[in-house]
Amino acid sequence: MSMPDWERELIEKAPDRDVAEHVRAAVSRLLNEDAYLLEADVNERSISHRLALYLEEEFLDWDVDCEYNRDGHEPKRLHVNPESIPSDDTQGTTVYPDIIVHERGKRSNLLAIEIKKSNGGGGDVDFRKLRGLRNELGYQYALFLRFQVGASGASLNELRWSVD
């Protein structure tokens, strides 16, 4: 049985094959076991939560959290959209990545994931956020996932590793 296109792309474009294999297994479980969530077009947070549960089973030596906003004990802040930050804001913008794989309370950050639904608009802000998480907060890897939602069936129709 051949590998679906999204799985092949996820693995081939990944900066780390081992990380990609774990993500592939988790996304595959989401699509197979929770297709209803995508077909019913539920809130993005519900989809992120289920994917995070599967990622937890893949990354056993790491913590997996949704919308985690701490960098140690301080809020995570990025300069992701400089034109919208007031000139007196020296801390940047607080960010809440959809899913992160990290070690809580340490600067050990493996993977940040941003999720969008097919009917959820562009991903430009998400791409900037992922780039900032890598460049400013030291995440080793960052991944954007866009899931197809609605009656047409559950699938992953866009993915992009942030490798800059």
C-alpha atoms as a PDB file:
ATOM      1  CA  MET A   1       0.000   0.000   0.000  1.00  0.00           C
ATOM      2  CA  SER A   2       1.496   3.327  -1.027  1.00  0.00           C
ATOM      3  CA  MET A   3       1.894   6.257   1.304  1.00  0.00           C
ATOM      4  CA  PRO A   4      -0.603   9.150   0.903  1.00  0.00           C
ATOM      5  CA  ASP A   5       0.843  12.332  -0.643  1.00  0.00           C
ATOM      6  CA  TRP A   6       0.735  14.291   2.616  1.00  0.00           C
ATOM      7  CA  GLU A   7       2.704  11.584   4.437  1.00  0.00           C
ATOM      8  CA  ARG A   8       5.354  11.465   1.724  1.00  0.00           C
ATOM      9  CA  GLU A   9       5.654  15.280   1.726  1.00  0.00           C
ATOM     10  CA  LEU A  10       5.823  15.422   5.524  1.00  0.00           C
ATOM     11  CA  ILE A  11       8.720  12.955   5.593  1.00  0.00           C
ATOM     12  CA  GLU A  12      10.592  14.150   2.497  1.00  0.00           C
ATOM     13  CA  LYS A  13      10.584  17.850   3.424  1.00  0.00           C
ATOM     14  CA  ALA A  14      11.271  17.338   7.124  1.00  0.00           C
ATOM     15  CA  PRO A  15      14.489  18.654   8.618  1.00  0.00           C
ATOM     16  CA  ASP A  16      14.514  15.579  10.910  1.00  0.00           C
ATOM     17  CA  ARG A  17      13.075  12.258   9.759  1.00  0.00           C
ATOM     18  CA  ASP A  18      12.569  10.874  13.283  1.00  0.00           C
ATOM     19  CA  VAL A  19      10.500  13.895  14.363  1.00  0.00           C
ATOM     20  CA  ALA A  20       8.556  13.693  11.096  1.00  0.00           C
ATOM     21  CA  GLU A  21       7.759   9.995  11.617  1.00  0.00           C
ATOM     22  CA  HIS A  22       6.310  10.758  15.056  1.00  0.00           C
ATOM     23  CA  VAL A  23       4.229  13.617  13.649  1.00  0.00           C
ATOM     24  CA  ARG A  24       3.086  11.418  10.740  1.00  0.00           C
ATOM     25  CA  ALA A  25       1.855   8.738  13.127  1.00  0.00           C
ATOM     26  CA  ALA A  26      -0.040  11.282  15.242  1.00  0.00           C
ATOM     27  CA  VAL A  27      -1.662  13.031  12.259  1.00  0.00           C
ATOM     28  CA  SER A  28      -2.586   9.668  10.748  1.00  0.00           C
ATOM     29  CA  ARG A  29      -4.341   8.687  13.992  1.00  0.00           C
ATOM     30  CA  LEU A  30      -6.209  11.990  14.055  1.00  0.00           C
ATOM     31  CA  LEU A  31      -7.422  11.508  10.496  1.00  0.00           C
ATOM     32  CA  ASN A  32      -8.435   7.899  11.133  1.00  0.00           C
ATOM     33  CA  GLU A  33      -9.837   8.052  14.652  1.00  0.00           C
ATOM     34  CA  ASP A  34     -11.223  11.584  14.780  1.00  0.00           C
ATOM     35  CA  ALA A  35     -12.379  12.215  11.218  1.00  0.00           C
ATOM     36  CA  TYR A  36     -15.728  13.315  12.625  1.00  0.00           C
ATOM     37  CA  LEU A  37     -14.124  16.420  14.148  1.00  0.00           C
ATOM     38  CA  LEU A  38     -12.870  17.529  10.736  1.00  0.00           C
ATOM     39  CA  GLU A  39     -16.016  16.533   8.853  1.00  0.00           C
ATOM     40  CA  ALA A  40     -18.174  18.399  11.401  1.00  0.00           C
ATOM     41  CA  ASP A  41     -15.875  21.457  11.154  1.00  0.00           C
ATOM     42  CA  VAL A  42     -15.402  21.761  14.926  1.00  0.00           C
ATOM     43  CA  ASN A  43     -13.345  24.488  16.564  1.00  0.00           C
ATOM     44  CA  GLU A  44      -9.631  24.480  15.736  1.00  0.00           C
ATOM     45  CA  ARG A  45      -8.808  24.064  19.450  1.00  0.00           C
ATOM     46  CA  SER A  46     -10.668  20.741  19.545  1.00  0.00           C
ATOM     47  CA  ILE A  47      -8.623  19.471  16.611  1.00  0.00           C
ATOM     48  CA  SER A  48      -5.387  20.699  18.213  1.00  0.00           C
ATOM     49  CA  HIS A  49      -6.271  18.994  21.473  1.00  0.00           C
ATOM     50  CA  ARG A  50      -6.826  15.603  19.850  1.00  0.00           C
ATOM     51  CA  LEU A  51      -3.631  15.881  17.812  1.00  0.00           C
ATOM     52  CA  ALA A  52      -1.721  16.839  20.975  1.00  0.00           C
ATOM     53  CA  LEU A  53      -2.960  13.683  22.705  1.00  0.00           C
ATOM     54  CA  TYR A  54      -1.566  11.542  19.886  1.00  0.00           C
ATOM     55  CA  LEU A  55       1.686  13.498  19.844  1.00  0.00           C
ATOM     56  CA  GLU A  56       2.049  12.822  23.567  1.00  0.00           C
ATOM     57  CA  GLU A  57       2.077   9.100  22.824  1.00  0.00           C
ATOM     58  CA  GLU A  58       4.762   9.633  20.160  1.00  0.00           C
ATOM     59  CA  PHE A  59       7.080  11.958  22.094  1.00  0.00           C
ATOM     60  CA  LEU A  60       7.286  10.064  25.383  1.00  0.00           C
ATOM     61  CA  ASP A  61      10.281  11.955  26.789  1.00  0.00           C
ATOM     62  CA  TRP A  62       8.758  15.378  26.117  1.00  0.00           C
ATOM     63  CA  ASP A  63       5.846  17.470  27.363  1.00  0.00           C
ATOM     64  CA  VAL A  64       3.148  18.246  24.791  1.00  0.00           C
ATOM     65  CA  ASP A  65       0.943  21.277  25.427  1.00  0.00           C
ATOM     66  CA  CYS A  66      -1.713  23.284  23.600  1.00  0.00           C
ATOM     67  CA  GLU A  67      -1.645  27.084  23.643  1.00  0.00           C
ATOM     68  CA  TYR A  68       1.173  27.113  26.189  1.00  0.00           C
ATOM     69  CA  ASN A  69       2.280  30.686  26.779  1.00  0.00           C
ATOM     70  CA  ARG A  70       5.310  30.405  29.058  1.00  0.00           C
ATOM     71  CA  ASP A  71       9.026  30.691  28.412  1.00  0.00           C
ATOM     72  CA  GLY A  72      10.284  29.387  31.742  1.00  0.00           C
ATOM     73  CA  HIS A  73       8.156  31.423  34.135  1.00  0.00           C
ATOM     74  CA  GLU A  74       7.708  34.407  31.824  1.00  0.00           C
ATOM     75  CA  PRO A  75       5.091  34.746  29.049  1.00  0.00           C
ATOM     76  CA  LYS A  76       6.325  33.727  25.594  1.00  0.00           C
ATOM     77  CA  ARG A  77       6.795  36.910  23.580  1.00  0.00           C
ATOM     78  CA  LEU A  78       7.712  37.365  19.937  1.00  0.00           C
ATOM     79  CA  HIS A  79       8.157  40.252  17.575  1.00  0.00           C
ATOM     80  CA  VAL A  80       6.038  38.545  14.892  1.00  0.00           C
ATOM     81  CA  ASN A  81       4.203  41.580  13.575  1.00  0.00           C
ATOM     82  CA  PRO A  82       6.332  44.658  14.273  1.00  0.00           C
ATOM     83  CA  GLU A  83       3.968  47.056  12.498  1.00  0.00           C
ATOM     84  CA  SER A  84       1.168  46.302  14.997  1.00  0.00           C
ATOM     85  CA  ILE A  85       3.283  46.521  18.153  1.00  0.00           C
ATOM     86  CA  PRO A  86       3.216  49.891  19.952  1.00  0.00           C
ATOM     87  CA  SER A  87       6.550  51.691  19.888  1.00  0.00           C
ATOM     88  CA  ASP A  88       6.814  51.481  23.693  1.00  0.00           C
ATOM     89  CA  ASP A  89       6.300  47.684  23.765  1.00  0.00           C
ATOM     90  CA  THR A  90       9.762  46.337  24.521  1.00  0.00           C
ATOM     91  CA  GLN A  91       8.535  42.796  25.198  1.00  0.00           C
ATOM     92  CA  GLY A  92       6.855  42.006  21.880  1.00  0.00           C
ATOM     93  CA  THR A  93       3.590  40.119  21.546  1.00  0.00           C
ATOM     94  CA  THR A  94       2.526  37.264  23.806  1.00  0.00           C
ATOM     95  CA  VAL A  95       2.124  34.106  21.716  1.00  0.00           C
ATOM     96  CA  TYR A  96       0.149  30.932  22.208  1.00  0.00           C
ATOM     97  CA  PRO A  97       1.352  28.250  19.797  1.00  0.00           C
ATOM     98  CA  ASP A  98      -1.374  25.718  18.950  1.00  0.00           C
ATOM     99  CA  ILE A  99       0.814  22.773  20.034  1.00  0.00           C
ATOM    100  CA  ILE A 100       4.343  22.557  21.367  1.00  0.00           C
ATOM    101  CA  VAL A 101       6.615  19.650  22.196  1.00  0.00           C
ATOM    102  CA  HIS A 102       9.060  20.827  24.863  1.00  0.00           C
ATOM    103  CA  GLU A 103      10.304  20.411  28.431  1.00  0.00           C
ATOM    104  CA  ARG A 104       8.255  22.551  30.784  1.00  0.00           C
ATOM    105  CA  GLY A 105      10.240  25.131  32.726  1.00  0.00           C
ATOM    106  CA  LYS A 106      13.356  24.702  30.570  1.00  0.00           C
ATOM    107  CA  ARG A 107      14.607  26.181  27.336  1.00  0.00           C
ATOM    108  CA  SER A 108      14.381  22.787  25.681  1.00  0.00           C
ATOM    109  CA  ASN A 109      11.966  23.312  22.784  1.00  0.00           C
ATOM    110  CA  LEU A 110      11.636  20.599  20.165  1.00  0.00           C
ATOM    111  CA  LEU A 111       8.630  21.378  17.978  1.00  0.00           C
ATOM    112  CA  ALA A 112       5.972  24.062  17.517  1.00  0.00           C
ATOM    113  CA  ILE A 113       2.881  23.347  15.414  1.00  0.00           C
ATOM    114  CA  GLU A 114       0.317  25.790  14.066  1.00  0.00           C
ATOM    115  CA  ILE A 115      -2.969  24.404  12.768  1.00  0.00           C
ATOM    116  CA  LYS A 116      -5.500  25.903  10.386  1.00  0.00           C
ATOM    117  CA  LYS A 117      -8.704  24.565   8.924  1.00  0.00           C
ATOM    118  CA  SER A 118      -9.296  24.696   5.168  1.00  0.00           C
ATOM    119  CA  ASN A 119     -11.926  27.393   5.691  1.00  0.00           C
ATOM    120  CA  GLY A 120      -9.723  29.393   8.065  1.00  0.00           C
ATOM    121  CA  GLY A 121      -7.991  31.949   5.855  1.00  0.00           C
ATOM    122  CA  GLY A 122      -4.326  32.419   5.070  1.00  0.00           C
ATOM    123  CA  GLY A 123      -1.456  31.243   7.191  1.00  0.00           C
ATOM    124  CA  ASP A 124       0.834  34.295   6.942  1.00  0.00           C
ATOM    125  CA  VAL A 125       0.580  35.174  10.645  1.00  0.00           C
ATOM    126  CA  ASP A 126       1.112  31.513  11.553  1.00  0.00           C
ATOM    127  CA  PHE A 127       4.216  31.333   9.337  1.00  0.00           C
ATOM    128  CA  ARG A 128       5.651  34.463  10.989  1.00  0.00           C
ATOM    129  CA  LYS A 129       4.835  33.039  14.417  1.00  0.00           C
ATOM    130  CA  LEU A 130       6.554  29.735  13.605  1.00  0.00           C
ATOM    131  CA  ARG A 131       9.612  31.567  12.266  1.00  0.00           C
ATOM    132  CA  GLY A 132       9.709  33.641  15.452  1.00  0.00           C
ATOM    133  CA  LEU A 133       9.367  30.582  17.672  1.00  0.00           C
ATOM    134  CA  ARG A 134      12.391  29.080  15.946  1.00  0.00           C
ATOM    135  CA  ASN A 135      14.515  32.218  15.726  1.00  0.00           C
ATOM    136  CA  GLU A 136      13.624  33.965  19.000  1.00  0.00           C
ATOM    137  CA  LEU A 137      12.688  31.105  21.349  1.00  0.00           C
ATOM    138  CA  GLY A 138      14.897  28.321  20.034  1.00  0.00           C
ATOM    139  CA  TYR A 139      12.381  25.758  18.817  1.00  0.00           C
ATOM    140  CA  GLN A 140      14.316  23.187  16.806  1.00  0.00           C
ATOM    141  CA  TYR A 141      11.445  22.548  14.390  1.00  0.00           C
ATOM    142  CA  ALA A 142       8.228  24.278  13.382  1.00  0.00           C
ATOM    143  CA  LEU A 143       5.366  22.902  11.323  1.00  0.00           C
ATOM    144  CA  PHE A 144       2.234  24.388   9.765  1.00  0.00           C
ATOM    145  CA  LEU A 145      -0.691  22.008   9.114  1.00  0.00           C
ATOM    146  CA  ARG A 146      -3.926  22.857   7.261  1.00  0.00           C
ATOM    147  CA  PHE A 147      -6.695  20.283   7.596  1.00  0.00           C
ATOM    148  CA  GLN A 148      -9.531  19.836   5.125  1.00  0.00           C
ATOM    149  CA  VAL A 149     -12.830  20.199   6.944  1.00  0.00           C
ATOM    150  CA  GLY A 150     -16.438  19.593   5.960  1.00  0.00           C
ATOM    151  CA  ALA A 151     -18.446  16.817   4.429  1.00  0.00           C
ATOM    152  CA  SER A 152     -15.817  16.077   1.773  1.00  0.00           C
ATOM    153  CA  GLY A 153     -13.865  14.033   4.311  1.00  0.00           C
ATOM    154  CA  ALA A 154     -10.955  14.375   6.693  1.00  0.00           C
ATOM    155  CA  SER A 155      -7.554  15.026   5.185  1.00  0.00           C
ATOM    156  CA  LEU A 156      -4.439  17.120   5.469  1.00  0.00           C
ATOM    157  CA  ASN A 157      -4.254  19.436   2.476  1.00  0.00           C
ATOM    158  CA  GLU A 158      -1.267  21.672   3.284  1.00  0.00           C
ATOM    159  CA  LEU A 159       1.868  21.372   5.359  1.00  0.00           C
ATOM    160  CA  ARG A 160       5.016  23.398   5.643  1.00  0.00           C
ATOM    161  CA  TRP A 161       8.115  22.889   7.735  1.00  0.00           C
ATOM    162  CA  SER A 162       9.729  26.140   8.833  1.00  0.00           C
ATOM    163  CA  VAL A 163      13.374  25.618   7.987  1.00  0.00           C
ATOM    164  CA  ASP A 164      14.636  29.208   7.791  1.00  0.00           C
END
